[in-house]
Protein backbone atom coordinates (compact mmCIF):
# COMPACT_ATOMS: atom_id res chain seq x y z
CA MET A 1 53.13 79.40 -104.91
CA LEU A 2 50.91 79.33 -101.78
CA PRO A 3 47.83 77.22 -102.61
CA SER A 4 45.68 78.98 -99.99
CA ILE A 5 46.34 82.35 -101.67
CA ASP A 6 47.27 81.68 -105.32
CA ILE A 7 46.67 84.26 -108.06
CA GLU A 8 43.14 85.05 -106.85
CA GLY A 9 44.44 85.94 -103.41
CA GLN A 10 47.18 88.13 -104.82
CA GLN A 11 44.55 89.94 -106.89
CA ALA A 12 42.45 90.41 -103.75
CA LEU A 13 45.42 92.10 -102.08
CA LEU A 14 45.96 94.30 -105.13
CA ASP A 15 42.28 95.31 -105.11
CA ALA A 16 42.23 96.02 -101.36
CA ARG A 17 42.13 99.35 -99.56
CA VAL A 18 43.68 99.03 -96.08
CA LEU A 19 43.44 101.73 -93.42
CA ILE A 20 46.34 101.67 -90.94
CA ILE A 21 45.93 103.96 -87.95
CA GLY A 22 49.22 104.73 -86.21
CA MET A 23 52.67 104.78 -87.83
CA GLY A 24 54.69 103.89 -84.73
CA GLY A 25 56.06 100.62 -83.41
CA LEU A 26 53.16 98.50 -84.68
CA GLY A 27 52.28 100.47 -87.80
CA SER A 28 55.85 100.32 -89.08
CA PRO A 29 56.08 96.51 -89.56
CA VAL A 30 52.42 96.34 -90.59
CA GLY A 31 52.97 98.85 -93.38
CA LEU A 32 56.30 97.40 -94.49
CA TYR A 33 54.94 93.87 -94.83
CA LEU A 34 51.66 94.94 -96.45
CA ALA A 35 53.53 97.10 -98.95
CA ALA A 36 55.77 94.13 -99.77
CA ALA A 37 52.69 91.89 -100.07
CA GLY A 38 51.24 94.12 -102.78
CA ILE A 39 48.28 95.83 -101.11
CA GLY A 40 46.82 98.06 -103.81
CA HIS A 41 45.91 101.10 -101.69
CA MET A 42 47.19 101.85 -98.19
CA VAL A 43 45.71 104.73 -96.22
CA ILE A 44 47.99 105.64 -93.31
CA SER A 45 47.08 108.01 -90.50
CA ASP A 46 49.15 109.59 -87.71
CA PHE A 47 49.48 113.11 -86.30
CA ASP A 48 52.97 112.85 -84.77
CA GLU A 49 56.50 113.57 -85.98
CA VAL A 50 59.51 111.25 -85.98
CA ASP A 51 61.63 111.60 -82.84
CA LEU A 52 65.03 110.08 -82.02
CA SER A 53 63.49 108.13 -79.13
CA ASN A 54 61.12 106.41 -81.60
CA LEU A 55 63.76 104.77 -83.71
CA GLN A 56 64.52 101.73 -81.54
CA ARG A 57 61.06 100.32 -82.30
CA GLN A 58 59.55 102.35 -85.17
CA ILE A 59 61.50 100.69 -87.97
CA ALA A 60 59.83 102.49 -90.87
CA HIS A 61 61.68 105.66 -89.81
CA THR A 62 65.39 106.55 -89.80
CA THR A 63 67.56 109.33 -88.41
CA LYS A 64 67.18 111.32 -91.62
CA HIS A 65 63.42 111.37 -91.01
CA ILE A 66 63.65 113.01 -87.57
CA GLY A 67 61.28 115.97 -87.43
CA GLN A 68 59.21 114.78 -90.41
CA PRO A 69 55.55 113.79 -90.06
CA LYS A 70 55.45 110.06 -89.43
CA VAL A 71 53.03 109.49 -92.30
CA GLU A 72 55.38 111.14 -94.80
CA SER A 73 58.40 109.26 -93.47
CA ALA A 74 56.49 105.96 -93.58
CA LYS A 75 55.18 106.67 -97.08
CA GLN A 76 58.75 107.07 -98.32
CA SER A 77 59.81 103.80 -96.69
CA PHE A 78 56.83 101.86 -98.03
CA HIS A 79 57.36 103.19 -101.55
CA GLN A 80 61.01 102.18 -101.42
CA ILE A 81 59.80 98.59 -101.02
CA ASN A 82 56.94 98.84 -103.51
CA PRO A 83 56.67 101.99 -105.64
CA MET A 84 53.63 100.59 -107.48
CA ILE A 85 51.15 100.80 -104.59
CA GLU A 86 48.95 103.81 -103.90
CA ILE A 87 49.48 105.43 -100.50
CA THR A 88 47.25 108.11 -99.00
CA ALA A 89 48.92 109.84 -96.04
CA ILE A 90 46.65 111.58 -93.51
CA ASN A 91 48.75 113.78 -91.25
CA LYS A 92 46.22 114.27 -88.45
CA LYS A 93 44.18 112.38 -85.91
CA LEU A 94 41.13 110.78 -87.47
CA GLU A 95 38.06 111.48 -85.37
CA GLY A 96 34.27 111.48 -85.57
CA ASP A 97 32.67 111.60 -89.00
CA GLU A 98 36.03 111.71 -90.76
CA LEU A 99 37.15 108.51 -89.02
CA LEU A 100 33.87 106.81 -89.89
CA ALA A 101 34.14 107.91 -93.52
CA GLN A 102 37.63 106.44 -93.88
CA VAL A 103 36.57 103.21 -92.16
CA LYS A 104 33.62 102.88 -94.56
CA LEU A 105 35.97 103.26 -97.54
CA ALA A 106 38.37 100.60 -96.24
CA ASP A 107 38.17 96.85 -96.82
CA ILE A 108 39.90 96.32 -93.48
CA VAL A 109 41.27 98.50 -90.66
CA VAL A 110 44.50 97.83 -88.76
CA ASP A 111 44.61 99.48 -85.34
CA CYS A 112 48.22 100.32 -84.48
CA CYS A 113 47.57 103.14 -82.03
CA ASP A 114 48.84 103.31 -78.45
CA ASN A 115 45.88 104.52 -76.38
CA PHE A 116 42.49 103.16 -75.41
CA GLU A 117 40.47 106.26 -76.31
CA THR A 118 41.47 105.91 -79.95
CA ARG A 119 41.02 102.12 -79.93
CA PHE A 120 37.44 102.47 -78.71
CA ALA A 121 36.72 105.13 -81.36
CA ILE A 122 38.14 102.87 -84.09
CA ASN A 123 36.10 99.94 -82.79
CA ASP A 124 32.92 102.04 -82.78
CA ALA A 125 33.49 103.05 -86.39
CA CYS A 126 34.28 99.49 -87.50
CA VAL A 127 31.14 98.11 -85.83
CA ALA A 128 29.00 100.86 -87.40
CA ALA A 129 30.52 100.35 -90.86
CA LYS A 130 30.81 96.54 -90.52
CA THR A 131 34.47 96.75 -91.52
CA PRO A 132 36.87 94.05 -90.24
CA LEU A 133 39.35 95.26 -87.62
CA VAL A 134 42.78 93.82 -86.81
CA SER A 135 43.73 95.10 -83.36
CA GLY A 136 47.16 94.83 -81.78
CA ALA A 137 48.85 96.17 -78.67
CA ALA A 138 52.32 95.96 -77.13
CA ILE A 139 53.66 97.16 -73.80
CA ARG A 140 56.68 96.26 -71.69
CA PHE A 141 57.41 92.60 -72.65
CA GLU A 142 53.77 91.79 -73.48
CA GLY A 143 51.68 91.80 -76.61
CA GLN A 144 48.20 90.88 -77.79
CA ILE A 145 46.33 90.66 -81.06
CA SER A 146 42.81 89.82 -82.20
CA VAL A 147 40.51 90.16 -85.19
CA PHE A 148 37.05 91.69 -84.83
CA ASP A 149 34.71 91.29 -87.80
CA ALA A 150 31.34 93.00 -87.45
CA ARG A 151 30.14 91.34 -90.67
CA ASP A 152 29.68 88.22 -88.54
CA ALA A 153 26.78 88.58 -86.11
CA THR A 154 28.44 86.16 -83.66
CA CYS A 155 31.82 87.92 -83.57
CA PRO A 156 32.77 90.00 -80.50
CA CYS A 157 34.12 93.54 -80.75
CA TYR A 158 36.91 95.31 -78.89
CA ASN A 159 34.44 96.58 -76.28
CA CYS A 160 33.53 92.96 -75.49
CA LEU A 161 37.17 92.53 -74.43
CA TYR A 162 37.71 95.80 -72.54
CA PRO A 163 35.23 98.07 -70.72
CA ARG A 164 35.32 101.83 -71.16
CA ASP A 165 36.04 102.56 -67.50
CA GLY A 166 39.66 103.67 -67.93
CA SER A 167 41.00 100.89 -65.70
CA VAL A 168 43.40 99.70 -68.40
CA ALA A 169 44.55 103.07 -69.69
CA GLN A 170 48.26 102.38 -70.17
CA ASN A 171 50.60 103.25 -73.01
CA CYS A 172 54.22 102.76 -74.02
CA SER A 173 55.32 106.28 -73.14
CA GLU A 174 54.36 105.67 -69.51
CA ASN A 175 55.39 102.02 -69.19
CA GLY A 176 58.03 101.38 -71.85
CA VAL A 177 58.20 98.61 -74.42
CA ILE A 178 60.97 96.32 -75.63
CA ALA A 179 61.42 96.99 -79.35
CA PRO A 180 61.10 93.46 -80.84
CA ILE A 181 57.66 93.02 -79.23
CA THR A 182 56.23 95.67 -81.54
CA GLY A 183 57.83 93.87 -84.49
CA ILE A 184 56.34 90.51 -83.48
CA ILE A 185 52.84 91.87 -82.91
CA GLY A 186 52.93 94.16 -85.95
CA SER A 187 54.08 91.32 -88.20
CA THR A 188 51.25 89.15 -86.85
CA GLN A 189 48.77 91.96 -87.58
CA ALA A 190 50.03 92.10 -91.16
CA LEU A 191 49.61 88.33 -91.47
CA GLU A 192 46.06 88.42 -90.10
CA THR A 193 45.22 91.26 -92.49
CA ILE A 194 46.42 89.21 -95.45
CA LYS A 195 44.45 86.17 -94.23
CA VAL A 196 41.20 88.13 -93.87
CA LEU A 197 41.57 89.76 -97.29
CA THR A 198 42.40 86.51 -99.08
CA GLY A 199 40.27 84.12 -97.03
CA ALA A 200 43.32 81.98 -96.26
CA GLY A 201 43.30 79.82 -93.15
CA GLN A 202 41.52 80.68 -89.92
CA SER A 203 41.83 84.20 -88.55
CA LEU A 204 41.98 85.24 -84.90
CA GLN A 205 38.30 86.15 -84.99
CA GLY A 206 36.76 85.15 -81.65
CA ARG A 207 40.18 84.65 -80.07
CA VAL A 208 42.80 86.84 -78.37
CA LEU A 209 46.43 85.84 -78.80
CA LEU A 210 48.63 86.85 -75.86
CA LEU A 211 52.44 86.91 -75.77
CA ASP A 212 54.61 86.93 -72.66
CA ALA A 213 58.04 87.58 -74.13
CA LEU A 214 59.95 87.17 -70.85
CA SER A 215 59.00 83.49 -70.84
CA MET A 216 58.41 83.42 -74.63
CA GLN A 217 55.00 81.82 -74.21
CA TRP A 218 51.92 82.34 -76.38
CA GLN A 219 48.41 81.84 -75.07
CA SER A 220 45.21 81.72 -77.11
CA MET A 221 42.08 82.82 -75.26
CA ARG A 222 38.54 82.35 -76.54
CA LEU A 223 36.54 85.58 -76.61
CA PRO A 224 32.75 85.19 -76.87
CA ARG A 225 30.50 88.06 -77.88
CA ASN A 226 29.08 89.94 -74.90
CA PRO A 227 25.28 89.98 -75.32
CA ASN A 228 25.18 93.16 -73.24
CA CYS A 229 28.05 94.93 -75.00
CA PRO A 230 27.16 98.64 -75.34
CA THR A 231 28.86 98.80 -78.74
CA CYS A 232 27.92 95.68 -80.69
CA SER A 233 24.95 94.07 -78.93
CA ASN A 234 22.46 95.99 -81.07
CA SER A 235 24.43 96.02 -84.31
């Protein structure tokens, strides 16, 4: 019923292979909405187990899943929504050649992790493989999201936005996060993923969307490609 997606767009979702890295506060809504949207093959990766303290924001998991690997808990939840989709659960941290191999297989990557080391590794792999990347982050009452598409020679990458000097190395476990922020940002990541796969509308490529939830204000910031970026300048 949506003219910008139509039957062709739904088929594109069915044919797609989406790699979601991180099954926590962001990965939960991303996976739930993409499963409901009819993504044909979801590859989900995480190396952690479900903990009681996770449940206020990691909505793919429940109390009965405590102690289970997050990927197995999430797989059950996603299949409850859509048992027809294929789900590959990788219960370990993707690194190095294995990360690159999975990124090359994917039509799009959704970064739902909570640390900069992993985000930079994912970005490196996506630039090398020229695989679109939907990147999101949430901390305290703040969130951000952008789309980086290395198929476009003018598009910036994650390293154009943040340097690798460790000056922004913060995560939720050290700073806390209000639960609905992860839902808002994760849902937006799912939407951007659907838009990129179907070609609907205009994605957040070349822009960073910032949310200040305490004032409930969104800001859209233009992000040009850094001609001296150590990651993408020579790609």
